[in-house]
Amino acid sequence: MRYLQNLLKISLLFLLLGCNNTGSQSADDASVVVESIENKGSDTIVNLALAWAEEYQNVNPAVSISVTGGGSGTGIAALINNTVDIANASRAIKPEEIASMQESGVNPHEYVIA
């Protein structure tokens, strides 16, 4: 069980490091930049995504991660609309969704996490 938890944490770190950030904002101190990552999607893994976000923020407090559910389709639609950085889904991305993402300038990368 501990091995799986560590594997999942490492997977999240790689996933988050590979994200394109769309929401940088300056913190109160002008020398500190807070990075913002939006994560939306599958209700099946929302609790896992929240745990990963918490752990990542412990490692890198300069990153603010917002995690919301709403369903796989909601997360994928938000990725198509380029309003999130990470979409969680409990299914594979459909070919037509990939085409829509590419039309809107998003190049999706799927990572199987569990």
PDB file of N, CA and C in Angstrom:
ATOM      1  N   MET A   1       0.833  -1.190   0.000  1.00  0.00           N
ATOM      2  CA  MET A   1       0.000   0.000   0.000  1.00  0.00           C
ATOM      3  C   MET A   1       0.877   1.253   0.000  1.00  0.00           C
ATOM      4  N   ARG A   2       1.922   1.248   0.803  1.00  0.00           N
ATOM      5  CA  ARG A   2       2.825   2.393   0.890  1.00  0.00           C
ATOM      6  C   ARG A   2       3.506   2.630  -0.461  1.00  0.00           C
ATOM      7  N   TYR A   3       3.868   1.531  -1.138  1.00  0.00           N
ATOM      8  CA  TYR A   3       4.494   1.632  -2.451  1.00  0.00           C
ATOM      9  C   TYR A   3       3.552   2.327  -3.427  1.00  0.00           C
ATOM     10  N   LEU A   4       2.278   1.953  -3.408  1.00  0.00           N
ATOM     11  CA  LEU A   4       1.292   2.544  -4.301  1.00  0.00           C
ATOM     12  C   LEU A   4       1.123   4.032  -4.002  1.00  0.00           C
ATOM     13  N   GLN A   5       1.070   4.402  -2.731  1.00  0.00           N
ATOM     14  CA  GLN A   5       0.938   5.807  -2.368  1.00  0.00           C
ATOM     15  C   GLN A   5       2.126   6.612  -2.881  1.00  0.00           C
ATOM     16  N   ASN A   6       3.330   6.087  -2.696  1.00  0.00           N
ATOM     17  CA  ASN A   6       4.520   6.795  -3.166  1.00  0.00           C
ATOM     18  C   ASN A   6       4.529   6.885  -4.688  1.00  0.00           C
ATOM     19  N   LEU A   7       4.129   5.823  -5.358  1.00  0.00           N
ATOM     20  CA  LEU A   7       4.067   5.823  -6.815  1.00  0.00           C
ATOM     21  C   LEU A   7       3.084   6.879  -7.305  1.00  0.00           C
ATOM     22  N   LEU A   8       1.942   6.969  -6.660  1.00  0.00           N
ATOM     23  CA  LEU A   8       0.942   7.955  -7.048  1.00  0.00           C
ATOM     24  C   LEU A   8       1.448   9.376  -6.814  1.00  0.00           C
ATOM     25  N   LYS A   9       2.142   9.602  -5.708  1.00  0.00           N
ATOM     26  CA  LYS A   9       2.701  10.927  -5.432  1.00  0.00           C
ATOM     27  C   LYS A   9       3.720  11.312  -6.493  1.00  0.00           C
ATOM     28  N   ILE A  10       4.570  10.388  -6.846  1.00  0.00           N
ATOM     29  CA  ILE A  10       5.584  10.656  -7.867  1.00  0.00           C
ATOM     30  C   ILE A  10       4.911  10.918  -9.207  1.00  0.00           C
ATOM     31  N   SER A  11       3.881  10.148  -9.519  1.00  0.00           N
ATOM     32  CA  SER A  11       3.154  10.351 -10.777  1.00  0.00           C
ATOM     33  C   SER A  11       2.558  11.744 -10.835  1.00  0.00           C
ATOM     34  N   LEU A  12       1.981  12.200  -9.734  1.00  0.00           N
ATOM     35  CA  LEU A  12       1.393  13.530  -9.698  1.00  0.00           C
ATOM     36  C   LEU A  12       2.464  14.593  -9.893  1.00  0.00           C
ATOM     37  N   LEU A  13       3.607  14.417  -9.257  1.00  0.00           N
ATOM     38  CA  LEU A  13       4.675  15.399  -9.409  1.00  0.00           C
ATOM     39  C   LEU A  13       5.077  15.533 -10.868  1.00  0.00           C
ATOM     40  N   PHE A  14       5.257  14.401 -11.552  1.00  0.00           N
ATOM     41  CA  PHE A  14       5.610  14.452 -12.966  1.00  0.00           C
ATOM     42  C   PHE A  14       4.487  15.090 -13.778  1.00  0.00           C
ATOM     43  N   LEU A  15       3.256  14.739 -13.454  1.00  0.00           N
ATOM     44  CA  LEU A  15       2.122  15.282 -14.176  1.00  0.00           C
ATOM     45  C   LEU A  15       2.053  16.795 -14.002  1.00  0.00           C
ATOM     46  N   LEU A  16       2.191  17.252 -12.775  1.00  0.00           N
ATOM     47  CA  LEU A  16       2.102  18.685 -12.519  1.00  0.00           C
ATOM     48  C   LEU A  16       3.280  19.443 -13.096  1.00  0.00           C
ATOM     49  N   LEU A  17       4.446  18.846 -13.074  1.00  0.00           N
ATOM     50  CA  LEU A  17       5.607  19.510 -13.652  1.00  0.00           C
ATOM     51  C   LEU A  17       5.459  19.653 -15.151  1.00  0.00           C
ATOM     52  N   GLY A  18       4.698  18.781 -15.764  1.00  0.00           N
ATOM     53  CA  GLY A  18       4.516  18.833 -17.211  1.00  0.00           C
ATOM     54  C   GLY A  18       3.378  19.733 -17.653  1.00  0.00           C
ATOM     55  N   CYS A  19       2.671  20.344 -16.723  1.00  0.00           N
ATOM     56  CA  CYS A  19       1.528  21.182 -17.082  1.00  0.00           C
ATOM     57  C   CYS A  19       1.969  22.530 -17.618  1.00  0.00           C
ATOM     58  N   ASN A  20       1.180  23.052 -18.545  1.00  0.00           N
ATOM     59  CA  ASN A  20       1.363  24.430 -18.977  1.00  0.00           C
ATOM     60  C   ASN A  20       0.549  25.290 -18.055  1.00  0.00           C
ATOM     61  N   ASN A  21       1.172  26.268 -17.435  1.00  0.00           N
ATOM     62  CA  ASN A  21       0.465  27.138 -16.508  1.00  0.00           C
ATOM     63  C   ASN A  21      -0.189  28.280 -17.267  1.00  0.00           C
ATOM     64  N   THR A  22      -1.471  28.502 -17.004  1.00  0.00           N
ATOM     65  CA  THR A  22      -2.174  29.590 -17.662  1.00  0.00           C
ATOM     66  C   THR A  22      -2.504  30.719 -16.704  1.00  0.00           C
ATOM     67  N   GLY A  23      -2.191  30.567 -15.419  1.00  0.00           N
ATOM     68  CA  GLY A  23      -2.648  31.569 -14.466  1.00  0.00           C
ATOM     69  C   GLY A  23      -1.619  32.032 -13.474  1.00  0.00           C
ATOM     70  N   SER A  24      -0.532  32.612 -13.914  1.00  0.00           N
ATOM     71  CA  SER A  24       0.441  33.160 -12.981  1.00  0.00           C
ATOM     72  C   SER A  24      -0.097  34.458 -12.415  1.00  0.00           C
ATOM     73  N   GLN A  25       0.187  34.673 -11.154  1.00  0.00           N
ATOM     74  CA  GLN A  25      -0.200  35.922 -10.530  1.00  0.00           C
ATOM     75  C   GLN A  25       0.837  36.277  -9.495  1.00  0.00           C
ATOM     76  N   SER A  26       1.027  37.563  -9.270  1.00  0.00           N
ATOM     77  CA  SER A  26       1.988  37.985  -8.262  1.00  0.00           C
ATOM     78  C   SER A  26       1.366  37.865  -6.893  1.00  0.00           C
ATOM     79  N   ALA A  27       2.158  37.437  -5.928  1.00  0.00           N
ATOM     80  CA  ALA A  27       1.706  37.379  -4.546  1.00  0.00           C
ATOM     81  C   ALA A  27       1.884  38.763  -3.934  1.00  0.00           C
ATOM     82  N   ASP A  28       1.587  38.910  -2.633  1.00  0.00           N
ATOM     83  CA  ASP A  28       1.750  40.193  -1.962  1.00  0.00           C
ATOM     84  C   ASP A  28       3.178  40.705  -2.099  1.00  0.00           C
ATOM     85  N   ASP A  29       4.138  39.829  -1.936  1.00  0.00           N
ATOM     86  CA  ASP A  29       5.544  40.187  -2.101  1.00  0.00           C
ATOM     87  C   ASP A  29       5.850  40.126  -3.592  1.00  0.00           C
ATOM     88  N   ALA A  30       6.262  41.225  -4.183  1.00  0.00           N
ATOM     89  CA  ALA A  30       6.492  41.291  -5.629  1.00  0.00           C
ATOM     90  C   ALA A  30       7.555  40.314  -6.097  1.00  0.00           C
ATOM     91  N   SER A  31       8.433  39.846  -5.188  1.00  0.00           N
ATOM     92  CA  SER A  31       9.486  38.928  -5.593  1.00  0.00           C
ATOM     93  C   SER A  31       9.003  37.476  -5.622  1.00  0.00           C
ATOM     94  N   VAL A  32       7.803  37.205  -5.135  1.00  0.00           N
ATOM     95  CA  VAL A  32       7.259  35.853  -5.102  1.00  0.00           C
ATOM     96  C   VAL A  32       6.157  35.733  -6.139  1.00  0.00           C
ATOM     97  N   VAL A  33       6.295  34.769  -7.015  1.00  0.00           N
ATOM     98  CA  VAL A  33       5.262  34.527  -8.021  1.00  0.00           C
ATOM     99  C   VAL A  33       4.531  33.250  -7.637  1.00  0.00           C
ATOM    100  N   VAL A  34       3.215  33.322  -7.567  1.00  0.00           N
ATOM    101  CA  VAL A  34       2.405  32.160  -7.238  1.00  0.00           C
ATOM    102  C   VAL A  34       1.876  31.581  -8.543  1.00  0.00           C
ATOM    103  N   GLU A  35       2.186  30.323  -8.781  1.00  0.00           N
ATOM    104  CA  GLU A  35       1.692  29.633  -9.960  1.00  0.00           C
ATOM    105  C   GLU A  35       0.331  29.031  -9.611  1.00  0.00           C
ATOM    106  N   SER A  36      -0.564  29.050 -10.551  1.00  0.00           N
ATOM    107  CA  SER A  36      -1.904  28.535 -10.332  1.00  0.00           C
ATOM    108  C   SER A  36      -2.194  27.417 -11.329  1.00  0.00           C
ATOM    109  N   ILE A  37      -2.674  26.288 -10.822  1.00  0.00           N
ATOM    110  CA  ILE A  37      -3.028  25.145 -11.658  1.00  0.00           C
ATOM    111  C   ILE A  37      -4.488  24.800 -11.401  1.00  0.00           C
ATOM    112  N   GLU A  38      -5.250  24.693 -12.472  1.00  0.00           N
ATOM    113  CA  GLU A  38      -6.665  24.319 -12.394  1.00  0.00           C
ATOM    114  C   GLU A  38      -6.813  22.860 -12.803  1.00  0.00           C
ATOM    115  N   ASN A  39      -7.469  22.068 -11.935  1.00  0.00           N
ATOM    116  CA  ASN A  39      -7.677  20.636 -12.152  1.00  0.00           C
ATOM    117  C   ASN A  39      -9.168  20.366 -12.006  1.00  0.00           C
ATOM    118  N   LYS A  40      -9.781  19.775 -13.027  1.00  0.00           N
ATOM    119  CA  LYS A  40     -11.229  19.534 -12.989  1.00  0.00           C
ATOM    120  C   LYS A  40     -11.538  18.199 -13.634  1.00  0.00           C
ATOM    121  N   GLY A  41     -12.600  17.552 -13.174  1.00  0.00           N
ATOM    122  CA  GLY A  41     -13.049  16.357 -13.865  1.00  0.00           C
ATOM    123  C   GLY A  41     -13.680  15.299 -13.007  1.00  0.00           C
ATOM    124  N   SER A  42     -13.287  14.081 -13.257  1.00  0.00           N
ATOM    125  CA  SER A  42     -13.913  12.882 -12.723  1.00  0.00           C
ATOM    126  C   SER A  42     -14.154  12.926 -11.215  1.00  0.00           C
ATOM    127  N   ASP A  43     -15.410  12.688 -10.839  1.00  0.00           N
ATOM    128  CA  ASP A  43     -15.741  12.584  -9.415  1.00  0.00           C
ATOM    129  C   ASP A  43     -15.147  11.319  -8.800  1.00  0.00           C
ATOM    130  N   THR A  44     -14.860  10.337  -9.638  1.00  0.00           N
ATOM    131  CA  THR A  44     -14.293   9.078  -9.165  1.00  0.00           C
ATOM    132  C   THR A  44     -12.925   9.282  -8.524  1.00  0.00           C
ATOM    133  N   ILE A  45     -12.141  10.187  -9.076  1.00  0.00           N
ATOM    134  CA  ILE A  45     -10.784  10.381  -8.534  1.00  0.00           C
ATOM    135  C   ILE A  45     -10.555  11.759  -7.915  1.00  0.00           C
ATOM    136  N   VAL A  46     -11.630  12.514  -7.671  1.00  0.00           N
ATOM    137  CA  VAL A  46     -11.452  13.857  -7.124  1.00  0.00           C
ATOM    138  C   VAL A  46     -10.740  13.829  -5.764  1.00  0.00           C
ATOM    139  N   ASN A  47     -11.051  12.853  -4.931  1.00  0.00           N
ATOM    140  CA  ASN A  47     -10.388  12.791  -3.617  1.00  0.00           C
ATOM    141  C   ASN A  47      -8.906  12.479  -3.760  1.00  0.00           C
ATOM    142  N   LEU A  48      -8.568  11.631  -4.709  1.00  0.00           N
ATOM    143  CA  LEU A  48      -7.169  11.317  -4.975  1.00  0.00           C
ATOM    144  C   LEU A  48      -6.454  12.555  -5.516  1.00  0.00           C
ATOM    145  N   ALA A  49      -7.095  13.272  -6.436  1.00  0.00           N
ATOM    146  CA  ALA A  49      -6.506  14.498  -6.994  1.00  0.00           C
ATOM    147  C   ALA A  49      -6.298  15.547  -5.905  1.00  0.00           C
ATOM    148  N   LEU A  50      -7.235  15.644  -4.970  1.00  0.00           N
ATOM    149  CA  LEU A  50      -7.084  16.580  -3.843  1.00  0.00           C
ATOM    150  C   LEU A  50      -5.889  16.202  -2.971  1.00  0.00           C
ATOM    151  N   ALA A  51      -5.739  14.919  -2.702  1.00  0.00           N
ATOM    152  CA  ALA A  51      -4.607  14.457  -1.892  1.00  0.00           C
ATOM    153  C   ALA A  51      -3.286  14.751  -2.600  1.00  0.00           C
ATOM    154  N   TRP A  52      -3.244  14.508  -3.909  1.00  0.00           N
ATOM    155  CA  TRP A  52      -2.023  14.799  -4.676  1.00  0.00           C
ATOM    156  C   TRP A  52      -1.720  16.290  -4.659  1.00  0.00           C
ATOM    157  N   ALA A  53      -2.748  17.108  -4.840  1.00  0.00           N
ATOM    158  CA  ALA A  53      -2.553  18.560  -4.858  1.00  0.00           C
ATOM    159  C   ALA A  53      -2.003  19.035  -3.520  1.00  0.00           C
ATOM    160  N   GLU A  54      -2.564  18.524  -2.438  1.00  0.00           N
ATOM    161  CA  GLU A  54      -2.082  18.870  -1.094  1.00  0.00           C
ATOM    162  C   GLU A  54      -0.613  18.513  -0.922  1.00  0.00           C
ATOM    163  N   GLU A  55      -0.272  17.311  -1.325  1.00  0.00           N
ATOM    164  CA  GLU A  55       1.106  16.843  -1.200  1.00  0.00           C
ATOM    165  C   GLU A  55       2.046  17.684  -2.056  1.00  0.00           C
ATOM    166  N   TYR A  56       1.634  18.000  -3.256  1.00  0.00           N
ATOM    167  CA  TYR A  56       2.473  18.805  -4.142  1.00  0.00           C
ATOM    168  C   TYR A  56       2.682  20.203  -3.559  1.00  0.00           C
ATOM    169  N   GLN A  57       1.625  20.778  -3.013  1.00  0.00           N
ATOM    170  CA  GLN A  57       1.734  22.108  -2.405  1.00  0.00           C
ATOM    171  C   GLN A  57       2.625  22.087  -1.175  1.00  0.00           C
ATOM    172  N   ASN A  58       2.709  20.956  -0.477  1.00  0.00           N
ATOM    173  CA  ASN A  58       3.652  20.835   0.642  1.00  0.00           C
ATOM    174  C   ASN A  58       5.092  20.895   0.135  1.00  0.00           C
ATOM    175  N   VAL A  59       5.320  20.283  -1.021  1.00  0.00           N
ATOM    176  CA  VAL A  59       6.659  20.262  -1.616  1.00  0.00           C
ATOM    177  C   VAL A  59       6.981  21.605  -2.268  1.00  0.00           C
ATOM    178  N   ASN A  60       5.987  22.219  -2.893  1.00  0.00           N
ATOM    179  CA  ASN A  60       6.185  23.465  -3.613  1.00  0.00           C
ATOM    180  C   ASN A  60       5.078  24.457  -3.249  1.00  0.00           C
ATOM    181  N   PRO A  61       5.250  25.198  -2.136  1.00  0.00           N
ATOM    182  CA  PRO A  61       4.196  26.099  -1.675  1.00  0.00           C
ATOM    183  C   PRO A  61       3.942  27.293  -2.599  1.00  0.00           C
ATOM    184  N   ALA A  62       4.790  27.520  -3.591  1.00  0.00           N
ATOM    185  CA  ALA A  62       4.575  28.618  -4.536  1.00  0.00           C
ATOM    186  C   ALA A  62       3.538  28.256  -5.593  1.00  0.00           C
ATOM    187  N   VAL A  63       2.979  27.050  -5.506  1.00  0.00           N
ATOM    188  CA  VAL A  63       1.977  26.602  -6.474  1.00  0.00           C
ATOM    189  C   VAL A  63       0.634  26.483  -5.772  1.00  0.00           C
ATOM    190  N   SER A  64      -0.368  27.101  -6.358  1.00  0.00           N
ATOM    191  CA  SER A  64      -1.731  27.006  -5.858  1.00  0.00           C
ATOM    192  C   SER A  64      -2.500  26.099  -6.808  1.00  0.00           C
ATOM    193  N   ILE A  65      -3.110  25.043  -6.265  1.00  0.00           N
ATOM    194  CA  ILE A  65      -3.821  24.081  -7.098  1.00  0.00           C
ATOM    195  C   ILE A  65      -5.290  24.052  -6.690  1.00  0.00           C
ATOM    196  N   SER A  66      -6.147  24.268  -7.661  1.00  0.00           N
ATOM    197  CA  SER A  66      -7.584  24.197  -7.448  1.00  0.00           C
ATOM    198  C   SER A  66      -8.089  22.894  -8.056  1.00  0.00           C
ATOM    199  N   VAL A  67      -8.767  22.075  -7.246  1.00  0.00           N
ATOM    200  CA  VAL A  67      -9.283  20.788  -7.707  1.00  0.00           C
ATOM    201  C   VAL A  67     -10.798  20.780  -7.541  1.00  0.00           C
ATOM    202  N   THR A  68     -11.498  20.489  -8.652  1.00  0.00           N
ATOM    203  CA  THR A  68     -12.951  20.356  -8.592  1.00  0.00           C
ATOM    204  C   THR A  68     -13.383  19.133  -9.387  1.00  0.00           C
ATOM    205  N   GLY A  69     -14.537  18.617  -9.034  1.00  0.00           N
ATOM    206  CA  GLY A  69     -15.097  17.459  -9.728  1.00  0.00           C
ATOM    207  C   GLY A  69     -16.015  17.923 -10.847  1.00  0.00           C
ATOM    208  N   GLY A  70     -17.109  17.211 -11.009  1.00  0.00           N
ATOM    209  CA  GLY A  70     -18.079  17.561 -12.031  1.00  0.00           C
ATOM    210  C   GLY A  70     -18.267  16.488 -13.085  1.00  0.00           C
ATOM    211  N   GLY A  71     -17.363  15.525 -13.112  1.00  0.00           N
ATOM    212  CA  GLY A  71     -17.470  14.428 -14.062  1.00  0.00           C
ATOM    213  C   GLY A  71     -16.400  14.494 -15.138  1.00  0.00           C
ATOM    214  N   SER A  72     -16.115  13.341 -15.710  1.00  0.00           N
ATOM    215  CA  SER A  72     -15.085  13.236 -16.748  1.00  0.00           C
ATOM    216  C   SER A  72     -15.380  14.164 -17.920  1.00  0.00           C
ATOM    217  N   GLY A  73     -16.624  14.169 -18.377  1.00  0.00           N
ATOM    218  CA  GLY A  73     -16.997  15.012 -19.516  1.00  0.00           C
ATOM    219  C   GLY A  73     -16.791  16.488 -19.234  1.00  0.00           C
ATOM    220  N   THR A  74     -17.063  16.898 -18.004  1.00  0.00           N
ATOM    221  CA  THR A  74     -16.864  18.293 -17.611  1.00  0.00           C
ATOM    222  C   THR A  74     -15.393  18.673 -17.666  1.00  0.00           C
ATOM    223  N   GLY A  75     -14.538  17.792 -17.149  1.00  0.00           N
ATOM    224  CA  GLY A  75     -13.105  18.056 -17.178  1.00  0.00           C
ATOM    225  C   GLY A  75     -12.568  18.105 -18.593  1.00  0.00           C
ATOM    226  N   ILE A  76     -12.995  17.167 -19.416  1.00  0.00           N
ATOM    227  CA  ILE A  76     -12.528  17.128 -20.801  1.00  0.00           C
ATOM    228  C   ILE A  76     -13.033  18.343 -21.567  1.00  0.00           C
ATOM    229  N   ALA A  77     -14.291  18.746 -21.341  1.00  0.00           N
ATOM    230  CA  ALA A  77     -14.829  19.944 -21.997  1.00  0.00           C
ATOM    231  C   ALA A  77     -14.044  21.183 -21.585  1.00  0.00           C
ATOM    232  N   ALA A  78     -13.676  21.252 -20.314  1.00  0.00           N
ATOM    233  CA  ALA A  78     -12.885  22.397 -19.837  1.00  0.00           C
ATOM    234  C   ALA A  78     -11.501  22.404 -20.483  1.00  0.00           C
ATOM    235  N   LEU A  79     -10.942  21.233 -20.721  1.00  0.00           N
ATOM    236  CA  LEU A  79      -9.648  21.148 -21.401  1.00  0.00           C
ATOM    237  C   LEU A  79      -9.799  21.581 -22.862  1.00  0.00           C
ATOM    238  N   ILE A  80     -10.884  21.166 -23.503  1.00  0.00           N
ATOM    239  CA  ILE A  80     -11.152  21.587 -24.884  1.00  0.00           C
ATOM    240  C   ILE A  80     -11.274  23.107 -24.951  1.00  0.00           C
ATOM    241  N   ASN A  81     -11.937  23.697 -23.951  1.00  0.00           N
ATOM    242  CA  ASN A  81     -12.125  25.148 -23.901  1.00  0.00           C
ATOM    243  C   ASN A  81     -10.905  25.894 -23.364  1.00  0.00           C
ATOM    244  N   ASN A  82      -9.869  25.123 -23.011  1.00  0.00           N
ATOM    245  CA  ASN A  82      -8.619  25.691 -22.505  1.00  0.00           C
ATOM    246  C   ASN A  82      -8.825  26.513 -21.233  1.00  0.00           C
ATOM    247  N   THR A  83      -9.714  26.014 -20.339  1.00  0.00           N
ATOM    248  CA  THR A  83      -9.957  26.712 -19.069  1.00  0.00           C
ATOM    249  C   THR A  83      -9.385  25.964 -17.872  1.00  0.00           C
ATOM    250  N   VAL A  84      -8.774  24.811 -18.113  1.00  0.00           N
ATOM    251  CA  VAL A  84      -8.095  24.061 -17.051  1.00  0.00           C
ATOM    252  C   VAL A  84      -6.730  23.610 -17.554  1.00  0.00           C
ATOM    253  N   ASP A  85      -5.870  23.276 -16.593  1.00  0.00           N
ATOM    254  CA  ASP A  85      -4.546  22.758 -16.928  1.00  0.00           C
ATOM    255  C   ASP A  85      -4.541  21.236 -16.950  1.00  0.00           C
ATOM    256  N   ILE A  86      -5.363  20.632 -16.067  1.00  0.00           N
ATOM    257  CA  ILE A  86      -5.434  19.181 -15.945  1.00  0.00           C
ATOM    258  C   ILE A  86      -6.901  18.773 -15.932  1.00  0.00           C
ATOM    259  N   ALA A  87      -7.242  17.781 -16.749  1.00  0.00           N
ATOM    260  CA  ALA A  87      -8.589  17.212 -16.735  1.00  0.00           C
ATOM    261  C   ALA A  87      -8.481  15.782 -16.235  1.00  0.00           C
ATOM    262  N   ASN A  88      -9.225  15.461 -15.185  1.00  0.00           N
ATOM    263  CA  ASN A  88      -9.275  14.090 -14.680  1.00  0.00           C
ATOM    264  C   ASN A  88     -10.431  13.374 -15.371  1.00  0.00           C
ATOM    265  N   ALA A  89     -10.173  12.154 -15.788  1.00  0.00           N
ATOM    266  CA  ALA A  89     -11.233  11.374 -16.432  1.00  0.00           C
ATOM    267  C   ALA A  89     -11.100   9.917 -16.028  1.00  0.00           C
ATOM    268  N   SER A  90     -12.228   9.277 -15.849  1.00  0.00           N
ATOM    269  CA  SER A  90     -12.224   7.848 -15.528  1.00  0.00           C
ATOM    270  C   SER A  90     -12.444   7.031 -16.796  1.00  0.00           C
ATOM    271  N   ARG A  91     -12.108   7.642 -17.910  1.00  0.00           N
ATOM    272  CA  ARG A  91     -12.188   6.973 -19.215  1.00  0.00           C
ATOM    273  C   ARG A  91     -11.141   7.594 -20.127  1.00  0.00           C
ATOM    274  N   ALA A  92     -10.903   6.938 -21.244  1.00  0.00           N
ATOM    275  CA  ALA A  92      -9.962   7.478 -22.229  1.00  0.00           C
ATOM    276  C   ALA A  92     -10.600   8.667 -22.952  1.00  0.00           C
ATOM    277  N   ILE A  93      -9.763   9.554 -23.457  1.00  0.00           N
ATOM    278  CA  ILE A  93     -10.254  10.670 -24.257  1.00  0.00           C
ATOM    279  C   ILE A  93     -10.685  10.126 -25.623  1.00  0.00           C
ATOM    280  N   LYS A  94     -11.870  10.515 -26.057  1.00  0.00           N
ATOM    281  CA  LYS A  94     -12.399  10.056 -27.342  1.00  0.00           C
ATOM    282  C   LYS A  94     -11.669  10.761 -28.486  1.00  0.00           C
ATOM    283  N   PRO A  95     -11.538  10.085 -29.631  1.00  0.00           N
ATOM    284  CA  PRO A  95     -10.849  10.696 -30.784  1.00  0.00           C
ATOM    285  C   PRO A  95     -11.411  12.065 -31.173  1.00  0.00           C
ATOM    286  N   GLU A  96     -12.729  12.206 -31.133  1.00  0.00           N
ATOM    287  CA  GLU A  96     -13.326  13.504 -31.493  1.00  0.00           C
ATOM    288  C   GLU A  96     -13.000  14.585 -30.462  1.00  0.00           C
ATOM    289  N   GLU A  97     -12.823  14.187 -29.190  1.00  0.00           N
ATOM    290  CA  GLU A  97     -12.422  15.151 -28.158  1.00  0.00           C
ATOM    291  C   GLU A  97     -10.971  15.591 -28.378  1.00  0.00           C
ATOM    292  N   ILE A  98     -10.127  14.647 -28.751  1.00  0.00           N
ATOM    293  CA  ILE A  98      -8.735  14.981 -29.055  1.00  0.00           C
ATOM    294  C   ILE A  98      -8.685  15.958 -30.220  1.00  0.00           C
ATOM    295  N   ALA A  99      -9.490  15.706 -31.255  1.00  0.00           N
ATOM    296  CA  ALA A  99      -9.526  16.601 -32.417  1.00  0.00           C
ATOM    297  C   ALA A  99      -9.978  17.999 -32.001  1.00  0.00           C
ATOM    298  N   SER A 100     -10.999  18.077 -31.150  1.00  0.00           N
ATOM    299  CA  SER A 100     -11.482  19.379 -30.671  1.00  0.00           C
ATOM    300  C   SER A 100     -10.412  20.103 -29.866  1.00  0.00           C
ATOM    301  N   MET A 101      -9.689  19.359 -29.032  1.00  0.00           N
ATOM    302  CA  MET A 101      -8.608  19.969 -28.247  1.00  0.00           C
ATOM    303  C   MET A 101      -7.542  20.538 -29.167  1.00  0.00           C
ATOM    304  N   GLN A 102      -7.152  19.751 -30.132  1.00  0.00           N
ATOM    305  CA  GLN A 102      -6.101  20.191 -31.049  1.00  0.00           C
ATOM    306  C   GLN A 102      -6.542  21.418 -31.842  1.00  0.00           C
ATOM    307  N   GLU A 103      -7.820  21.477 -32.210  1.00  0.00           N
ATOM    308  CA  GLU A 103      -8.349  22.657 -32.907  1.00  0.00           C
ATOM    309  C   GLU A 103      -8.261  23.903 -32.042  1.00  0.00           C
ATOM    310  N   SER A 104      -8.385  23.733 -30.718  1.00  0.00           N
ATOM    311  CA  SER A 104      -8.314  24.887 -29.817  1.00  0.00           C
ATOM    312  C   SER A 104      -6.900  25.120 -29.281  1.00  0.00           C
ATOM    313  N   GLY A 105      -5.934  24.398 -29.847  1.00  0.00           N
ATOM    314  CA  GLY A 105      -4.539  24.631 -29.470  1.00  0.00           C
ATOM    315  C   GLY A 105      -4.054  23.838 -28.275  1.00  0.00           C
ATOM    316  N   VAL A 106      -4.822  22.859 -27.842  1.00  0.00           N
ATOM    317  CA  VAL A 106      -4.438  22.021 -26.703  1.00  0.00           C
ATOM    318  C   VAL A 106      -3.898  20.703 -27.234  1.00  0.00           C
ATOM    319  N   ASN A 107      -2.735  20.312 -26.753  1.00  0.00           N
ATOM    320  CA  ASN A 107      -2.137  19.034 -27.140  1.00  0.00           C
ATOM    321  C   ASN A 107      -2.221  18.087 -25.942  1.00  0.00           C
ATOM    322  N   PRO A 108      -3.259  17.252 -25.882  1.00  0.00           N
ATOM    323  CA  PRO A 108      -3.474  16.430 -24.681  1.00  0.00           C
ATOM    324  C   PRO A 108      -2.467  15.293 -24.543  1.00  0.00           C
ATOM    325  N   HIS A 109      -2.163  14.984 -23.301  1.00  0.00           N
ATOM    326  CA  HIS A 109      -1.318  13.841 -22.952  1.00  0.00           C
ATOM    327  C   HIS A 109      -2.072  13.039 -21.908  1.00  0.00           C
ATOM    328  N   GLU A 110      -2.333  11.783 -22.191  1.00  0.00           N
ATOM    329  CA  GLU A 110      -3.038  10.926 -21.237  1.00  0.00           C
ATOM    330  C   GLU A 110      -2.037  10.192 -20.365  1.00  0.00           C
ATOM    331  N   TYR A 111      -2.336  10.135 -19.068  1.00  0.00           N
ATOM    332  CA  TYR A 111      -1.549   9.384 -18.099  1.00  0.00           C
ATOM    333  C   TYR A 111      -2.496   8.483 -17.327  1.00  0.00           C
ATOM    334  N   VAL A 112      -2.273   7.185 -17.368  1.00  0.00           N
ATOM    335  CA  VAL A 112      -3.085   6.253 -16.603  1.00  0.00           C
ATOM    336  C   VAL A 112      -2.536   6.257 -15.188  1.00  0.00           C
ATOM    337  N   ILE A 113      -3.407   6.530 -14.221  1.00  0.00           N
ATOM    338  CA  ILE A 113      -2.938   6.688 -12.844  1.00  0.00           C
ATOM    339  C   ILE A 113      -3.378   5.559 -11.928  1.00  0.00           C
ATOM    340  N   ALA A 114      -4.424   4.880 -12.273  1.00  0.00           N
ATOM    341  CA  ALA A 114      -4.903   3.817 -11.395  1.00  0.00           C
ATOM    342  C   ALA A 114      -5.765   2.857 -12.183  1.00  0.00           C
TER     343      ALA A 114
END
